[in-house]
Amino acid sequence: MKRYRISSKIRFSIFLTFIAVLILSTYMVFVGLTDAQGDTVERYEIVSVSYGDNLWTLAKNHVPKNMDIREYVYHVAKYNDVDPGNLNPGDKIKLPIY
């Protein structure tokens, strides 16, 4: 078995640091820790879900003019932690006001 000898401890330390940063950044990309988009909304309207309502019909009346309704529905579902197709009558949904 061949043994390796470290000739420069500084270069070896820099190499290990580089490898550690590379592994950590790769892990963060896959886990999504680098996502800088915030989920906090300061103003919202609480809407009660009626029979036959879905997230699209509720969002249609509250979507900002400069935003696509699909993006707004995505934000509402993420903000309320709900499935867009699985709303029950009587549920309370917070619709963000941008």
PDB file of N, CA and C in Angstrom:
ATOM      1  N   MET A   1       0.834  -1.167   0.000  1.00  0.00           N
ATOM      2  CA  MET A   1       0.000   0.000   0.000  1.00  0.00           C
ATOM      3  C   MET A   1       0.889   1.243   0.000  1.00  0.00           C
ATOM      4  N   LYS A   2       0.571   2.150  -0.904  1.00  0.00           N
ATOM      5  CA  LYS A   2       1.373   3.352  -1.040  1.00  0.00           C
ATOM      6  C   LYS A   2       0.919   4.403  -0.036  1.00  0.00           C
ATOM      7  N   ARG A   3       1.849   5.044   0.624  1.00  0.00           N
ATOM      8  CA  ARG A   3       1.542   6.085   1.616  1.00  0.00           C
ATOM      9  C   ARG A   3       1.866   7.443   1.003  1.00  0.00           C
ATOM     10  N   TYR A   4       0.999   8.388   1.275  1.00  0.00           N
ATOM     11  CA  TYR A   4       1.203   9.746   0.788  1.00  0.00           C
ATOM     12  C   TYR A   4       1.688  10.635   1.924  1.00  0.00           C
ATOM     13  N   ARG A   5       2.541  11.569   1.574  1.00  0.00           N
ATOM     14  CA  ARG A   5       3.088  12.484   2.562  1.00  0.00           C
ATOM     15  C   ARG A   5       2.644  13.899   2.200  1.00  0.00           C
ATOM     16  N   ILE A   6       2.171  14.635   3.188  1.00  0.00           N
ATOM     17  CA  ILE A   6       1.730  16.010   2.968  1.00  0.00           C
ATOM     18  C   ILE A   6       2.962  16.901   2.991  1.00  0.00           C
ATOM     19  N   SER A   7       3.230  17.533   1.849  1.00  0.00           N
ATOM     20  CA  SER A   7       4.433  18.361   1.775  1.00  0.00           C
ATOM     21  C   SER A   7       4.179  19.784   2.255  1.00  0.00           C
ATOM     22  N   SER A   8       2.949  20.280   2.093  1.00  0.00           N
ATOM     23  CA  SER A   8       2.628  21.632   2.540  1.00  0.00           C
ATOM     24  C   SER A   8       1.296  21.595   3.284  1.00  0.00           C
ATOM     25  N   LYS A   9       1.355  21.852   4.562  1.00  0.00           N
ATOM     26  CA  LYS A   9       0.133  21.815   5.372  1.00  0.00           C
ATOM     27  C   LYS A   9      -0.824  22.946   4.993  1.00  0.00           C
ATOM     28  N   ILE A  10      -0.300  24.058   4.572  1.00  0.00           N
ATOM     29  CA  ILE A  10      -1.145  25.191   4.179  1.00  0.00           C
ATOM     30  C   ILE A  10      -1.942  24.850   2.926  1.00  0.00           C
ATOM     31  N   ARG A  11      -1.267  24.316   1.910  1.00  0.00           N
ATOM     32  CA  ARG A  11      -1.977  23.928   0.687  1.00  0.00           C
ATOM     33  C   ARG A  11      -3.010  22.837   0.964  1.00  0.00           C
ATOM     34  N   PHE A  12      -2.680  21.901   1.818  1.00  0.00           N
ATOM     35  CA  PHE A  12      -3.608  20.834   2.166  1.00  0.00           C
ATOM     36  C   PHE A  12      -4.823  21.402   2.906  1.00  0.00           C
ATOM     37  N   SER A  13      -4.622  22.364   3.804  1.00  0.00           N
ATOM     38  CA  SER A  13      -5.729  23.003   4.526  1.00  0.00           C
ATOM     39  C   SER A  13      -6.629  23.779   3.573  1.00  0.00           C
ATOM     40  N   ILE A  14      -6.037  24.491   2.623  1.00  0.00           N
ATOM     41  CA  ILE A  14      -6.822  25.225   1.619  1.00  0.00           C
ATOM     42  C   ILE A  14      -7.625  24.252   0.771  1.00  0.00           C
ATOM     43  N   PHE A  15      -7.029  23.148   0.386  1.00  0.00           N
ATOM     44  CA  PHE A  15      -7.729  22.138  -0.400  1.00  0.00           C
ATOM     45  C   PHE A  15      -8.917  21.568   0.365  1.00  0.00           C
ATOM     46  N   LEU A  16      -8.724  21.231   1.645  1.00  0.00           N
ATOM     47  CA  LEU A  16      -9.829  20.693   2.451  1.00  0.00           C
ATOM     48  C   LEU A  16     -10.941  21.727   2.637  1.00  0.00           C
ATOM     49  N   THR A  17     -10.571  22.990   2.834  1.00  0.00           N
ATOM     50  CA  THR A  17     -11.569  24.052   2.963  1.00  0.00           C
ATOM     51  C   THR A  17     -12.359  24.198   1.672  1.00  0.00           C
ATOM     52  N   PHE A  18     -11.682  24.172   0.547  1.00  0.00           N
ATOM     53  CA  PHE A  18     -12.350  24.270  -0.749  1.00  0.00           C
ATOM     54  C   PHE A  18     -13.339  23.119  -0.951  1.00  0.00           C
ATOM     55  N   ILE A  19     -12.934  21.918  -0.636  1.00  0.00           N
ATOM     56  CA  ILE A  19     -13.800  20.745  -0.775  1.00  0.00           C
ATOM     57  C   ILE A  19     -15.011  20.863   0.153  1.00  0.00           C
ATOM     58  N   ALA A  20     -14.799  21.321   1.387  1.00  0.00           N
ATOM     59  CA  ALA A  20     -15.900  21.466   2.344  1.00  0.00           C
ATOM     60  C   ALA A  20     -16.903  22.510   1.857  1.00  0.00           C
ATOM     61  N   VAL A  21     -16.424  23.644   1.334  1.00  0.00           N
ATOM     62  CA  VAL A  21     -17.318  24.686   0.816  1.00  0.00           C
ATOM     63  C   VAL A  21     -18.076  24.167  -0.402  1.00  0.00           C
ATOM     64  N   LEU A  22     -17.408  23.437  -1.253  1.00  0.00           N
ATOM     65  CA  LEU A  22     -18.055  22.880  -2.444  1.00  0.00           C
ATOM     66  C   LEU A  22     -19.165  21.901  -2.062  1.00  0.00           C
ATOM     67  N   ILE A  23     -18.895  21.028  -1.120  1.00  0.00           N
ATOM     68  CA  ILE A  23     -19.899  20.056  -0.676  1.00  0.00           C
ATOM     69  C   ILE A  23     -21.065  20.768   0.003  1.00  0.00           C
ATOM     70  N   LEU A  24     -20.784  21.743   0.851  1.00  0.00           N
ATOM     71  CA  LEU A  24     -21.838  22.474   1.548  1.00  0.00           C
ATOM     72  C   LEU A  24     -22.710  23.273   0.587  1.00  0.00           C
ATOM     73  N   SER A  25     -22.104  23.936  -0.392  1.00  0.00           N
ATOM     74  CA  SER A  25     -22.898  24.709  -1.344  1.00  0.00           C
ATOM     75  C   SER A  25     -23.740  23.796  -2.225  1.00  0.00           C
ATOM     76  N   THR A  26     -23.225  22.657  -2.608  1.00  0.00           N
ATOM     77  CA  THR A  26     -24.006  21.692  -3.387  1.00  0.00           C
ATOM     78  C   THR A  26     -25.190  21.192  -2.575  1.00  0.00           C
ATOM     79  N   TYR A  27     -24.972  20.895  -1.317  1.00  0.00           N
ATOM     80  CA  TYR A  27     -26.051  20.448  -0.435  1.00  0.00           C
ATOM     81  C   TYR A  27     -27.126  21.535  -0.305  1.00  0.00           C
ATOM     82  N   MET A  28     -26.718  22.782  -0.142  1.00  0.00           N
ATOM     83  CA  MET A  28     -27.677  23.874   0.022  1.00  0.00           C
ATOM     84  C   MET A  28     -28.498  24.103  -1.242  1.00  0.00           C
ATOM     85  N   VAL A  29     -27.902  23.910  -2.397  1.00  0.00           N
ATOM     86  CA  VAL A  29     -28.639  24.061  -3.652  1.00  0.00           C
ATOM     87  C   VAL A  29     -29.717  22.990  -3.761  1.00  0.00           C
ATOM     88  N   PHE A  30     -29.387  21.765  -3.414  1.00  0.00           N
ATOM     89  CA  PHE A  30     -30.359  20.684  -3.533  1.00  0.00           C
ATOM     90  C   PHE A  30     -31.439  20.755  -2.463  1.00  0.00           C
ATOM     91  N   VAL A  31     -31.119  21.236  -1.287  1.00  0.00           N
ATOM     92  CA  VAL A  31     -32.102  21.325  -0.214  1.00  0.00           C
ATOM     93  C   VAL A  31     -32.941  22.594  -0.350  1.00  0.00           C
ATOM     94  N   GLY A  32     -32.407  23.616  -0.984  1.00  0.00           N
ATOM     95  CA  GLY A  32     -33.150  24.844  -1.191  1.00  0.00           C
ATOM     96  C   GLY A  32     -32.932  25.888  -0.110  1.00  0.00           C
ATOM     97  N   LEU A  33     -31.841  25.801   0.606  1.00  0.00           N
ATOM     98  CA  LEU A  33     -31.573  26.763   1.667  1.00  0.00           C
ATOM     99  C   LEU A  33     -31.139  28.120   1.130  1.00  0.00           C
ATOM    100  N   THR A  34     -30.831  28.208  -0.139  1.00  0.00           N
ATOM    101  CA  THR A  34     -30.389  29.472  -0.709  1.00  0.00           C
ATOM    102  C   THR A  34     -31.548  30.280  -1.260  1.00  0.00           C
ATOM    103  N   ASP A  35     -32.778  29.803  -1.114  1.00  0.00           N
ATOM    104  CA  ASP A  35     -33.943  30.523  -1.608  1.00  0.00           C
ATOM    105  C   ASP A  35     -34.157  31.763  -0.747  1.00  0.00           C
ATOM    106  N   ALA A  36     -34.025  32.936  -1.333  1.00  0.00           N
ATOM    107  CA  ALA A  36     -34.106  34.175  -0.572  1.00  0.00           C
ATOM    108  C   ALA A  36     -35.511  34.766  -0.575  1.00  0.00           C
ATOM    109  N   GLN A  37     -36.451  34.095  -1.190  1.00  0.00           N
ATOM    110  CA  GLN A  37     -37.806  34.615  -1.264  1.00  0.00           C
ATOM    111  C   GLN A  37     -38.481  34.459   0.091  1.00  0.00           C
ATOM    112  N   GLY A  38     -38.982  35.549   0.615  1.00  0.00           N
ATOM    113  CA  GLY A  38     -39.634  35.512   1.916  1.00  0.00           C
ATOM    114  C   GLY A  38     -41.103  35.146   1.802  1.00  0.00           C
ATOM    115  N   ASP A  39     -41.630  34.509   2.836  1.00  0.00           N
ATOM    116  CA  ASP A  39     -43.032  34.124   2.847  1.00  0.00           C
ATOM    117  C   ASP A  39     -43.866  35.014   3.753  1.00  0.00           C
ATOM    118  N   THR A  40     -43.269  36.056   4.296  1.00  0.00           N
ATOM    119  CA  THR A  40     -44.021  36.904   5.194  1.00  0.00           C
ATOM    120  C   THR A  40     -44.775  37.959   4.404  1.00  0.00           C
ATOM    121  N   VAL A  41     -46.041  38.063   4.693  1.00  0.00           N
ATOM    122  CA  VAL A  41     -46.905  39.054   4.068  1.00  0.00           C
ATOM    123  C   VAL A  41     -47.460  39.910   5.190  1.00  0.00           C
ATOM    124  N   GLU A  42     -47.359  41.214   5.030  1.00  0.00           N
ATOM    125  CA  GLU A  42     -47.795  42.092   6.102  1.00  0.00           C
ATOM    126  C   GLU A  42     -49.301  42.334   6.089  1.00  0.00           C
ATOM    127  N   ARG A  43     -49.898  42.365   4.908  1.00  0.00           N
ATOM    128  CA  ARG A  43     -51.335  42.608   4.817  1.00  0.00           C
ATOM    129  C   ARG A  43     -52.008  41.451   4.081  1.00  0.00           C
ATOM    130  N   TYR A  44     -53.120  41.009   4.600  1.00  0.00           N
ATOM    131  CA  TYR A  44     -53.870  39.947   3.953  1.00  0.00           C
ATOM    132  C   TYR A  44     -55.344  40.078   4.328  1.00  0.00           C
ATOM    133  N   GLU A  45     -56.171  39.444   3.525  1.00  0.00           N
ATOM    134  CA  GLU A  45     -57.607  39.411   3.774  1.00  0.00           C
ATOM    135  C   GLU A  45     -58.000  37.968   4.060  1.00  0.00           C
ATOM    136  N   ILE A  46     -58.775  37.765   5.097  1.00  0.00           N
ATOM    137  CA  ILE A  46     -59.237  36.425   5.453  1.00  0.00           C
ATOM    138  C   ILE A  46     -60.571  36.181   4.768  1.00  0.00           C
ATOM    139  N   VAL A  47     -60.646  35.092   4.009  1.00  0.00           N
ATOM    140  CA  VAL A  47     -61.853  34.731   3.264  1.00  0.00           C
ATOM    141  C   VAL A  47     -62.321  33.369   3.736  1.00  0.00           C
ATOM    142  N   SER A  48     -63.616  33.227   3.955  1.00  0.00           N
ATOM    143  CA  SER A  48     -64.196  31.945   4.335  1.00  0.00           C
ATOM    144  C   SER A  48     -64.587  31.181   3.068  1.00  0.00           C
ATOM    145  N   VAL A  49     -64.227  29.923   3.018  1.00  0.00           N
ATOM    146  CA  VAL A  49     -64.509  29.092   1.844  1.00  0.00           C
ATOM    147  C   VAL A  49     -65.963  28.622   1.898  1.00  0.00           C
ATOM    148  N   SER A  50     -66.683  28.834   0.813  1.00  0.00           N
ATOM    149  CA  SER A  50     -68.061  28.361   0.685  1.00  0.00           C
ATOM    150  C   SER A  50     -68.080  27.094  -0.164  1.00  0.00           C
ATOM    151  N   TYR A  51     -69.236  26.436  -0.188  1.00  0.00           N
ATOM    152  CA  TYR A  51     -69.390  25.222  -0.999  1.00  0.00           C
ATOM    153  C   TYR A  51     -69.187  25.574  -2.471  1.00  0.00           C
ATOM    154  N   GLY A  52     -68.333  24.836  -3.155  1.00  0.00           N
ATOM    155  CA  GLY A  52     -68.073  25.053  -4.573  1.00  0.00           C
ATOM    156  C   GLY A  52     -66.895  25.978  -4.844  1.00  0.00           C
ATOM    157  N   ASP A  53     -66.377  26.628  -3.816  1.00  0.00           N
ATOM    158  CA  ASP A  53     -65.219  27.505  -4.009  1.00  0.00           C
ATOM    159  C   ASP A  53     -63.941  26.686  -4.164  1.00  0.00           C
ATOM    160  N   ASN A  54     -63.040  27.217  -4.934  1.00  0.00           N
ATOM    161  CA  ASN A  54     -61.693  26.667  -4.986  1.00  0.00           C
ATOM    162  C   ASN A  54     -60.717  27.829  -4.930  1.00  0.00           C
ATOM    163  N   LEU A  55     -59.464  27.532  -4.869  1.00  0.00           N
ATOM    164  CA  LEU A  55     -58.464  28.578  -4.697  1.00  0.00           C
ATOM    165  C   LEU A  55     -58.415  29.526  -5.891  1.00  0.00           C
ATOM    166  N   TRP A  56     -58.713  29.006  -7.061  1.00  0.00           N
ATOM    167  CA  TRP A  56     -58.684  29.836  -8.264  1.00  0.00           C
ATOM    168  C   TRP A  56     -59.798  30.876  -8.246  1.00  0.00           C
ATOM    169  N   THR A  57     -60.993  30.481  -7.851  1.00  0.00           N
ATOM    170  CA  THR A  57     -62.106  31.455  -7.826  1.00  0.00           C
ATOM    171  C   THR A  57     -61.903  32.489  -6.729  1.00  0.00           C
ATOM    172  N   LEU A  58     -61.331  32.079  -5.613  1.00  0.00           N
ATOM    173  CA  LEU A  58     -61.059  33.041  -4.546  1.00  0.00           C
ATOM    174  C   LEU A  58     -59.951  34.009  -4.955  1.00  0.00           C
ATOM    175  N   ALA A  59     -58.937  33.504  -5.617  1.00  0.00           N
ATOM    176  CA  ALA A  59     -57.803  34.331  -6.014  1.00  0.00           C
ATOM    177  C   ALA A  59     -58.156  35.266  -7.168  1.00  0.00           C
ATOM    178  N   LYS A  60     -59.120  34.868  -7.987  1.00  0.00           N
ATOM    179  CA  LYS A  60     -59.479  35.664  -9.169  1.00  0.00           C
ATOM    180  C   LYS A  60     -59.889  37.088  -8.786  1.00  0.00           C
ATOM    181  N   ASN A  61     -60.541  37.249  -7.654  1.00  0.00           N
ATOM    182  CA  ASN A  61     -61.017  38.563  -7.238  1.00  0.00           C
ATOM    183  C   ASN A  61     -59.974  39.363  -6.463  1.00  0.00           C
ATOM    184  N   HIS A  62     -58.848  38.757  -6.121  1.00  0.00           N
ATOM    185  CA  HIS A  62     -57.852  39.426  -5.291  1.00  0.00           C
ATOM    186  C   HIS A  62     -56.469  39.530  -5.922  1.00  0.00           C
ATOM    187  N   VAL A  63     -56.305  38.973  -7.102  1.00  0.00           N
ATOM    188  CA  VAL A  63     -54.980  38.978  -7.734  1.00  0.00           C
ATOM    189  C   VAL A  63     -54.622  40.409  -8.163  1.00  0.00           C
ATOM    190  N   PRO A  64     -53.394  40.859  -7.885  1.00  0.00           N
ATOM    191  CA  PRO A  64     -52.970  42.188  -8.349  1.00  0.00           C
ATOM    192  C   PRO A  64     -52.919  42.242  -9.872  1.00  0.00           C
ATOM    193  N   LYS A  65     -53.109  43.404 -10.424  1.00  0.00           N
ATOM    194  CA  LYS A  65     -53.150  43.560 -11.887  1.00  0.00           C
ATOM    195  C   LYS A  65     -51.817  43.231 -12.556  1.00  0.00           C
ATOM    196  N   ASN A  66     -50.720  43.423 -11.829  1.00  0.00           N
ATOM    197  CA  ASN A  66     -49.407  43.178 -12.433  1.00  0.00           C
ATOM    198  C   ASN A  66     -48.889  41.763 -12.175  1.00  0.00           C
ATOM    199  N   MET A  67     -49.741  40.855 -11.652  1.00  0.00           N
ATOM    200  CA  MET A  67     -49.308  39.501 -11.328  1.00  0.00           C
ATOM    201  C   MET A  67     -50.178  38.481 -12.064  1.00  0.00           C
ATOM    202  N   ASP A  68     -49.539  37.442 -12.540  1.00  0.00           N
ATOM    203  CA  ASP A  68     -50.250  36.340 -13.182  1.00  0.00           C
ATOM    204  C   ASP A  68     -51.027  35.560 -12.113  1.00  0.00           C
ATOM    205  N   ILE A  69     -52.247  35.148 -12.432  1.00  0.00           N
ATOM    206  CA  ILE A  69     -53.091  34.461 -11.448  1.00  0.00           C
ATOM    207  C   ILE A  69     -52.469  33.141 -10.997  1.00  0.00           C
ATOM    208  N   ARG A  70     -51.729  32.481 -11.883  1.00  0.00           N
ATOM    209  CA  ARG A  70     -51.080  31.218 -11.501  1.00  0.00           C
ATOM    210  C   ARG A  70     -50.028  31.444 -10.414  1.00  0.00           C
ATOM    211  N   GLU A  71     -49.286  32.527 -10.557  1.00  0.00           N
ATOM    212  CA  GLU A  71     -48.280  32.857  -9.548  1.00  0.00           C
ATOM    213  C   GLU A  71     -48.953  33.225  -8.226  1.00  0.00           C
ATOM    214  N   TYR A  72     -50.072  33.963  -8.297  1.00  0.00           N
ATOM    215  CA  TYR A  72     -50.789  34.348  -7.083  1.00  0.00           C
ATOM    216  C   TYR A  72     -51.370  33.122  -6.371  1.00  0.00           C
ATOM    217  N   VAL A  73     -51.959  32.201  -7.130  1.00  0.00           N
ATOM    218  CA  VAL A  73     -52.507  30.977  -6.535  1.00  0.00           C
ATOM    219  C   VAL A  73     -51.389  30.173  -5.879  1.00  0.00           C
ATOM    220  N   TYR A  74     -50.230  30.122  -6.521  1.00  0.00           N
ATOM    221  CA  TYR A  74     -49.088  29.420  -5.941  1.00  0.00           C
ATOM    222  C   TYR A  74     -48.704  30.044  -4.599  1.00  0.00           C
ATOM    223  N   HIS A  75     -48.629  31.385  -4.541  1.00  0.00           N
ATOM    224  CA  HIS A  75     -48.265  32.070  -3.294  1.00  0.00           C
ATOM    225  C   HIS A  75     -49.321  31.857  -2.213  1.00  0.00           C
ATOM    226  N   VAL A  76     -50.598  31.905  -2.594  1.00  0.00           N
ATOM    227  CA  VAL A  76     -51.671  31.701  -1.612  1.00  0.00           C
ATOM    228  C   VAL A  76     -51.609  30.282  -1.053  1.00  0.00           C
ATOM    229  N   ALA A  77     -51.424  29.296  -1.920  1.00  0.00           N
ATOM    230  CA  ALA A  77     -51.351  27.904  -1.468  1.00  0.00           C
ATOM    231  C   ALA A  77     -50.143  27.693  -0.557  1.00  0.00           C
ATOM    232  N   LYS A  78     -49.022  28.279  -0.916  1.00  0.00           N
ATOM    233  CA  LYS A  78     -47.815  28.139  -0.103  1.00  0.00           C
ATOM    234  C   LYS A  78     -47.975  28.872   1.226  1.00  0.00           C
ATOM    235  N   TYR A  79     -48.556  30.061   1.196  1.00  0.00           N
ATOM    236  CA  TYR A  79     -48.729  30.861   2.402  1.00  0.00           C
ATOM    237  C   TYR A  79     -49.665  30.186   3.395  1.00  0.00           C
ATOM    238  N   ASN A  80     -50.734  29.542   2.882  1.00  0.00           N
ATOM    239  CA  ASN A  80     -51.713  28.879   3.744  1.00  0.00           C
ATOM    240  C   ASN A  80     -51.404  27.411   3.979  1.00  0.00           C
ATOM    241  N   ASP A  81     -50.394  26.891   3.281  1.00  0.00           N
ATOM    242  CA  ASP A  81     -50.009  25.485   3.383  1.00  0.00           C
ATOM    243  C   ASP A  81     -51.199  24.567   3.087  1.00  0.00           C
ATOM    244  N   VAL A  82     -51.822  24.820   1.929  1.00  0.00           N
ATOM    245  CA  VAL A  82     -52.974  24.020   1.507  1.00  0.00           C
ATOM    246  C   VAL A  82     -52.748  23.515   0.088  1.00  0.00           C
ATOM    247  N   ASP A  83     -53.481  22.479  -0.255  1.00  0.00           N
ATOM    248  CA  ASP A  83     -53.515  21.965  -1.615  1.00  0.00           C
ATOM    249  C   ASP A  83     -54.576  22.772  -2.366  1.00  0.00           C
ATOM    250  N   PRO A  84     -54.239  23.382  -3.515  1.00  0.00           N
ATOM    251  CA  PRO A  84     -55.205  24.232  -4.217  1.00  0.00           C
ATOM    252  C   PRO A  84     -56.515  23.532  -4.569  1.00  0.00           C
ATOM    253  N   GLY A  85     -56.506  22.231  -4.753  1.00  0.00           N
ATOM    254  CA  GLY A  85     -57.726  21.520  -5.113  1.00  0.00           C
ATOM    255  C   GLY A  85     -58.442  20.883  -3.941  1.00  0.00           C
ATOM    256  N   ASN A  86     -57.962  21.120  -2.724  1.00  0.00           N
ATOM    257  CA  ASN A  86     -58.532  20.434  -1.575  1.00  0.00           C
ATOM    258  C   ASN A  86     -58.945  21.441  -0.501  1.00  0.00           C
ATOM    259  N   LEU A  87     -59.987  22.218  -0.793  1.00  0.00           N
ATOM    260  CA  LEU A  87     -60.526  23.160   0.179  1.00  0.00           C
ATOM    261  C   LEU A  87     -61.885  22.660   0.647  1.00  0.00           C
ATOM    262  N   ASN A  88     -62.170  22.873   1.915  1.00  0.00           N
ATOM    263  CA  ASN A  88     -63.440  22.444   2.478  1.00  0.00           C
ATOM    264  C   ASN A  88     -64.261  23.669   2.884  1.00  0.00           C
ATOM    265  N   PRO A  89     -65.587  23.590   2.748  1.00  0.00           N
ATOM    266  CA  PRO A  89     -66.420  24.712   3.184  1.00  0.00           C
ATOM    267  C   PRO A  89     -66.172  25.023   4.660  1.00  0.00           C
ATOM    268  N   GLY A  90     -66.040  26.312   4.944  1.00  0.00           N
ATOM    269  CA  GLY A  90     -65.773  26.745   6.302  1.00  0.00           C
ATOM    270  C   GLY A  90     -64.309  27.013   6.588  1.00  0.00           C
ATOM    271  N   ASP A  91     -63.408  26.558   5.704  1.00  0.00           N
ATOM    272  CA  ASP A  91     -61.983  26.855   5.874  1.00  0.00           C
ATOM    273  C   ASP A  91     -61.761  28.352   5.756  1.00  0.00           C
ATOM    274  N   LYS A  92     -60.769  28.836   6.463  1.00  0.00           N
ATOM    275  CA  LYS A  92     -60.374  30.250   6.378  1.00  0.00           C
ATOM    276  C   LYS A  92     -59.081  30.330   5.595  1.00  0.00           C
ATOM    277  N   ILE A  93     -59.075  31.140   4.547  1.00  0.00           N
ATOM    278  CA  ILE A  93     -57.912  31.301   3.680  1.00  0.00           C
ATOM    279  C   ILE A  93     -57.454  32.752   3.780  1.00  0.00           C
ATOM    280  N   LYS A  94     -56.163  32.941   3.965  1.00  0.00           N
ATOM    281  CA  LYS A  94     -55.572  34.267   3.995  1.00  0.00           C
ATOM    282  C   LYS A  94     -55.080  34.607   2.586  1.00  0.00           C
ATOM    283  N   LEU A  95     -55.645  35.650   2.002  1.00  0.00           N
ATOM    284  CA  LEU A  95     -55.237  36.095   0.680  1.00  0.00           C
ATOM    285  C   LEU A  95     -54.336  37.310   0.826  1.00  0.00           C
ATOM    286  N   PRO A  96     -53.058  37.196   0.438  1.00  0.00           N
ATOM    287  CA  PRO A  96     -52.128  38.322   0.591  1.00  0.00           C
ATOM    288  C   PRO A  96     -52.526  39.497  -0.286  1.00  0.00           C
ATOM    289  N   ILE A  97     -52.311  40.686   0.253  1.00  0.00           N
ATOM    290  CA  ILE A  97     -52.549  41.921  -0.493  1.00  0.00           C
ATOM    291  C   ILE A  97     -51.186  42.516  -0.784  1.00  0.00           C
ATOM    292  N   TYR A  98     -50.863  42.601  -2.075  1.00  0.00           N
ATOM    293  CA  TYR A  98     -49.565  43.148  -2.493  1.00  0.00           C
ATOM    294  C   TYR A  98     -49.720  44.588  -2.892  1.00  0.00           C
TER     295      TYR A  98
END
